[in-house]
Each structure stands twice: as C-alpha cells, then as structure tokens.
Amino acid sequence: MSILYLLIPLSLILLSLAVWAFFWAVKNDQFDDLEGPAHRILFDDDENDLSPAARQRRAQDNAEPPHNPDEHDDDESNDRQGGTR
C-alpha cells in the first residue's frame, strides 16, 4: 500500500510530461502534413532526396537566362524600324 504514495505522483508526472510533449508537437507543426510522406514515396524525382548541392545544380539547370529589355535582337530592331534584311 505504501508503494502507491510513490506510484501516483510518478504517474502524474509522466502524464503531465506526455501532455506537454503533445502540445509542444502541435505548436511546432509536427502534425502539419500527415499524408505528404505517404504520397511522396510514389514519385521518383523527389527534391527532398537530393543533396543541397544537387538541388542547387538542378535549379541552375532549370533556370532561364535573365531577359534584358535593353538588348534587342537584330531582327526585332529591323522590324521596328521598317527595314528588311
């Protein structure tokens, strides 16, 4: 019977620890996306599986060269001026 004096406070401490951990997880968005990882495994080219260097290389390969509006192609400038080649 005297063991209950130890087990009841211990169980209340463990319960409060579990409740605190649950609310911490909710607050820090640990339960934000439960279905995403299940669907992500179906795709071959997953960005999350790449290393940071590989992600940067892929982003550079897919990036378009910047368009400079001050530069004109010869064909476009001739068309605007009414000239032909």
C-alpha atoms as a PDB file:
ATOM      1  CA  MET A   1       0.000   0.000   0.000  1.00  0.00           C
ATOM      2  CA  SER A   2       2.852   2.388   0.680  1.00  0.00           C
ATOM      3  CA  ILE A   3       4.067   1.967  -2.911  1.00  0.00           C
ATOM      4  CA  LEU A   4       1.015   3.927  -4.064  1.00  0.00           C
ATOM      5  CA  TYR A   5       2.488   7.019  -2.430  1.00  0.00           C
ATOM      6  CA  LEU A   6       5.335   6.727  -4.933  1.00  0.00           C
ATOM      7  CA  LEU A   7       3.450   5.462  -7.995  1.00  0.00           C
ATOM      8  CA  ILE A   8       0.616   8.025  -8.025  1.00  0.00           C
ATOM      9  CA  PRO A   9       2.896  11.119  -8.106  1.00  0.00           C
ATOM     10  CA  LEU A  10       5.189   9.369 -10.592  1.00  0.00           C
ATOM     11  CA  SER A  11       2.265   8.600 -12.901  1.00  0.00           C
ATOM     12  CA  LEU A  12       1.032  12.206 -12.634  1.00  0.00           C
ATOM     13  CA  ILE A  13       4.495  13.483 -13.556  1.00  0.00           C
ATOM     14  CA  LEU A  14       4.652  11.152 -16.565  1.00  0.00           C
ATOM     15  CA  LEU A  15       1.135  12.173 -17.610  1.00  0.00           C
ATOM     16  CA  SER A  16       1.996  15.864 -17.409  1.00  0.00           C
ATOM     17  CA  LEU A  17       5.179  15.213 -19.407  1.00  0.00           C
ATOM     18  CA  ALA A  18       3.178  13.422 -22.128  1.00  0.00           C
ATOM     19  CA  VAL A  19       0.599  16.234 -22.291  1.00  0.00           C
ATOM     20  CA  TRP A  20       3.387  18.832 -22.518  1.00  0.00           C
ATOM     21  CA  ALA A  21       5.098  16.869 -25.332  1.00  0.00           C
ATOM     22  CA  PHE A  22       1.818  16.614 -27.251  1.00  0.00           C
ATOM     23  CA  PHE A  23       1.103  20.348 -27.060  1.00  0.00           C
ATOM     24  CA  TRP A  24       4.718  21.143 -27.976  1.00  0.00           C
ATOM     25  CA  ALA A  25       4.398  18.949 -31.077  1.00  0.00           C
ATOM     26  CA  VAL A  26       1.143  20.623 -32.107  1.00  0.00           C
ATOM     27  CA  LYS A  27       2.611  24.084 -31.541  1.00  0.00           C
ATOM     28  CA  ASN A  28       5.687  23.300 -33.657  1.00  0.00           C
ATOM     29  CA  ASP A  29       3.640  21.895 -36.599  1.00  0.00           C
ATOM     30  CA  GLN A  30       4.767  18.309 -36.163  1.00  0.00           C
ATOM     31  CA  PHE A  31       1.301  17.125 -37.244  1.00  0.00           C
ATOM     32  CA  ASP A  32       1.010  19.564 -40.137  1.00  0.00           C
ATOM     33  CA  ASP A  33       1.186  17.138 -43.084  1.00  0.00           C
ATOM     34  CA  LEU A  34       0.354  13.529 -42.308  1.00  0.00           C
ATOM     35  CA  GLU A  35      -0.339  12.366 -45.875  1.00  0.00           C
ATOM     36  CA  GLY A  36       2.544  14.047 -47.719  1.00  0.00           C
ATOM     37  CA  PRO A  37       5.233  11.468 -46.914  1.00  0.00           C
ATOM     38  CA  ALA A  38       2.908   8.646 -47.953  1.00  0.00           C
ATOM     39  CA  HIS A  39       2.356  10.235 -51.379  1.00  0.00           C
ATOM     40  CA  ARG A  40       5.941  11.444 -51.797  1.00  0.00           C
ATOM     41  CA  ILE A  41       7.301   7.901 -51.944  1.00  0.00           C
ATOM     42  CA  LEU A  42       5.420   7.355 -55.211  1.00  0.00           C
ATOM     43  CA  PHE A  43       7.455   9.957 -57.108  1.00  0.00           C
ATOM     44  CA  ASP A  44      10.920   9.184 -58.481  1.00  0.00           C
ATOM     45  CA  ASP A  45      12.367  12.693 -58.652  1.00  0.00           C
ATOM     46  CA  ASP A  46      11.882  13.897 -55.147  1.00  0.00           C
ATOM     47  CA  GLU A  47      13.637  17.152 -54.258  1.00  0.00           C
ATOM     48  CA  ASN A  48      13.933  16.053 -50.626  1.00  0.00           C
ATOM     49  CA  ASP A  49      16.116  13.083 -51.587  1.00  0.00           C
ATOM     50  CA  LEU A  50      18.729  15.264 -53.281  1.00  0.00           C
ATOM     51  CA  SER A  51      21.721  16.742 -51.549  1.00  0.00           C
ATOM     52  CA  PRO A  52      21.800  20.537 -51.258  1.00  0.00           C
ATOM     53  CA  ALA A  53      24.485  20.749 -53.968  1.00  0.00           C
ATOM     54  CA  ALA A  54      22.395  18.627 -56.341  1.00  0.00           C
ATOM     55  CA  ARG A  55      19.332  20.793 -55.659  1.00  0.00           C
ATOM     56  CA  GLN A  56      21.325  23.908 -56.491  1.00  0.00           C
ATOM     57  CA  ARG A  57      22.642  22.361 -59.728  1.00  0.00           C
ATOM     58  CA  ARG A  58      19.114  21.336 -60.746  1.00  0.00           C
ATOM     59  CA  ALA A  59      17.809  24.837 -60.007  1.00  0.00           C
ATOM     60  CA  GLN A  60      20.579  26.381 -62.116  1.00  0.00           C
ATOM     61  CA  ASP A  61      19.922  23.970 -64.981  1.00  0.00           C
ATOM     62  CA  ASN A  62      16.208  24.730 -64.946  1.00  0.00           C
ATOM     63  CA  ALA A  63      16.601  28.492 -64.582  1.00  0.00           C
ATOM     64  CA  GLU A  64      16.045  30.596 -67.683  1.00  0.00           C
ATOM     65  CA  PRO A  65      18.670  33.154 -68.591  1.00  0.00           C
ATOM     66  CA  PRO A  66      17.611  36.614 -67.472  1.00  0.00           C
ATOM     67  CA  HIS A  67      15.972  38.703 -70.179  1.00  0.00           C
ATOM     68  CA  ASN A  68      17.482  42.146 -70.573  1.00  0.00           C
ATOM     69  CA  PRO A  69      14.916  44.503 -72.121  1.00  0.00           C
ATOM     70  CA  ASP A  70      17.659  46.961 -73.183  1.00  0.00           C
ATOM     71  CA  GLU A  71      19.184  44.466 -75.596  1.00  0.00           C
ATOM     72  CA  HIS A  72      17.349  43.814 -78.859  1.00  0.00           C
ATOM     73  CA  ASP A  73      17.815  41.187 -81.479  1.00  0.00           C
ATOM     74  CA  ASP A  74      18.781  42.472 -84.911  1.00  0.00           C
ATOM     75  CA  ASP A  75      15.582  41.056 -86.411  1.00  0.00           C
ATOM     76  CA  GLU A  76      13.377  42.830 -83.893  1.00  0.00           C
ATOM     77  CA  SER A  77      15.137  46.182 -84.312  1.00  0.00           C
ATOM     78  CA  ASN A  78      14.894  45.932 -88.113  1.00  0.00           C
ATOM     79  CA  ASP A  79      11.185  45.137 -87.888  1.00  0.00           C
ATOM     80  CA  ARG A  80      10.534  48.122 -85.671  1.00  0.00           C
ATOM     81  CA  GLN A  81      12.427  50.435 -87.959  1.00  0.00           C
ATOM     82  CA  GLY A  82      10.629  49.103 -91.019  1.00  0.00           C
ATOM     83  CA  GLY A  83      13.819  47.754 -92.512  1.00  0.00           C
ATOM     84  CA  THR A  84      14.352  44.326 -94.050  1.00  0.00           C
ATOM     85  CA  ARG A  85      17.377  42.156 -94.317  1.00  0.00           C
END
